Protein backbone atom coordinates (compact mmCIF):
# COMPACT_ATOMS: atom_id res chain seq x y z
CA MET A 1 264.51 92.86 214.65
CA SER A 2 266.92 94.52 217.04
CA ASP A 3 270.39 93.09 217.60
CA PHE A 4 269.84 92.15 221.26
CA VAL A 5 266.64 90.26 220.37
CA ALA A 6 268.45 88.37 217.61
CA LYS A 7 271.24 87.49 220.04
CA PHE A 8 268.72 86.25 222.60
CA ARG A 9 266.97 84.15 219.97
CA ALA A 10 270.36 82.63 219.06
CA LEU A 11 270.98 81.86 222.75
CA LEU A 12 267.61 80.13 223.00
CA GLU A 13 268.47 77.97 220.01
CA THR A 14 271.90 76.99 221.38
CA GLU A 15 271.86 73.59 223.05
CA GLY A 16 273.73 72.77 226.24
CA LEU A 17 273.73 76.19 227.90
CA ASN A 18 272.86 76.37 231.57
CA GLU A 19 270.13 78.52 233.05
CA GLN A 20 272.58 81.16 234.33
CA VAL A 21 273.51 82.14 230.76
CA TYR A 22 269.89 83.13 230.08
CA GLN A 23 269.61 84.87 233.44
CA ASP A 24 272.74 86.93 232.77
CA TYR A 25 271.47 87.99 229.34
CA LEU A 26 268.05 88.98 230.70
CA GLU A 27 269.69 91.00 233.48
CA GLN A 28 271.71 92.90 230.87
CA ASN A 29 268.66 93.34 228.58
CA THR A 30 265.76 93.81 230.97
CA GLU A 31 263.34 94.86 228.23
CA LEU A 32 263.21 91.15 227.29
CA ILE A 33 261.79 90.13 230.69
CA PHE A 34 258.22 88.97 230.25
CA THR A 35 255.88 90.89 232.59
CA PRO A 36 252.40 89.37 232.18
CA PHE A 37 250.94 90.46 235.54
CA LEU A 38 251.39 94.21 235.23
CA LEU A 39 248.84 96.43 236.93
CA ASN A 40 248.16 100.13 236.27
CA HIS A 41 251.45 101.44 237.68
CA TRP A 42 253.64 98.95 235.80
CA VAL A 43 256.81 97.59 237.46
CA HIS A 44 257.27 99.40 240.76
CA PHE A 45 260.28 101.74 240.58
CA ASN A 46 261.17 100.02 237.27
CA THR A 47 263.00 97.42 239.33
CA VAL A 48 263.37 93.71 238.66
CA LEU A 49 265.24 91.86 241.40
CA SER A 50 267.63 89.05 240.63
CA LYS A 51 268.02 86.01 242.91
CA PHE A 52 265.26 87.15 245.28
CA PRO A 53 265.42 84.93 248.42
CA LEU A 54 262.23 83.30 249.66
CA ASP A 55 263.92 81.80 252.69
CA THR A 56 267.43 80.66 253.59
CA SER A 57 267.39 77.78 251.10
CA THR A 58 265.26 78.98 248.17
CA GLU A 59 265.51 81.89 245.77
CA THR A 60 263.69 82.95 242.63
CA ASP A 61 265.53 83.86 239.45
CA LEU A 62 263.68 87.17 239.11
CA ALA A 63 261.01 89.08 241.02
CA TYR A 64 259.12 92.34 240.55
CA LEU A 65 256.33 94.33 242.22
CA THR A 66 253.42 95.84 240.37
CA LYS A 67 250.47 97.80 241.75
CA SER A 68 247.15 99.45 241.10
CA SER A 69 246.07 101.86 243.85
CA ASP A 70 245.97 99.60 246.92
CA HIS A 71 246.32 96.27 245.08
CA TRP A 72 249.83 94.79 244.77
CA HIS A 73 251.27 91.77 242.97
CA LEU A 74 254.65 90.27 243.83
CA VAL A 75 255.60 88.30 240.74
CA LEU A 76 258.19 85.55 241.17
CA VAL A 77 259.91 84.20 238.06
CA GLU A 78 261.73 80.89 237.75
CA LEU A 79 263.73 80.43 234.55
CA GLU A 80 264.24 77.05 232.93
CA PRO A 81 266.46 76.13 229.98
CA PRO A 82 264.46 76.37 226.73
CA ALA A 83 265.10 72.73 225.80
CA GLN A 84 263.62 71.43 229.06
CA ASN A 85 260.36 69.55 228.66
CA LEU A 86 258.06 71.41 231.07
CA TYR A 87 254.88 69.63 230.16
CA ARG A 88 254.78 65.89 230.42
CA PHE A 89 251.65 64.03 229.51
CA ALA A 90 251.15 60.45 230.56
CA GLN A 91 250.24 58.17 227.74
CA LYS A 92 247.69 55.50 228.52
CA GLU A 93 248.40 52.11 227.16
CA HIS A 94 245.51 50.57 225.32
CA VAL A 95 244.86 46.99 226.31
C-alpha cells in the first residue's frame, strides 16, 4: 500500500478531526477522490474543483465534470467526517 494511502487511512481512523482536514488531504492527493459517475472522457480537463459555490450561501466540498459525446454530468461531492452516522434507522417498539 502506498504511503499516501496509509496516511489517509490513519486520518480516517483518527477521532475528533474536522471535515476540513480530510478535504485538505484529498486536495493534496487527488487520486484518492472517489469518481463513481465517470463517463467516457473521464474527469473533464482532469480538474476537480474545491468549494464550488451553488449560490451565495451554499457550496459543495468538491465538484467535477465528466462527459460522453454530448452527455455531461456535473458531480457534486459533500464530505462528512468518517465517524458521523449517516444512516439512521428508526426502531419500532414492540407493544
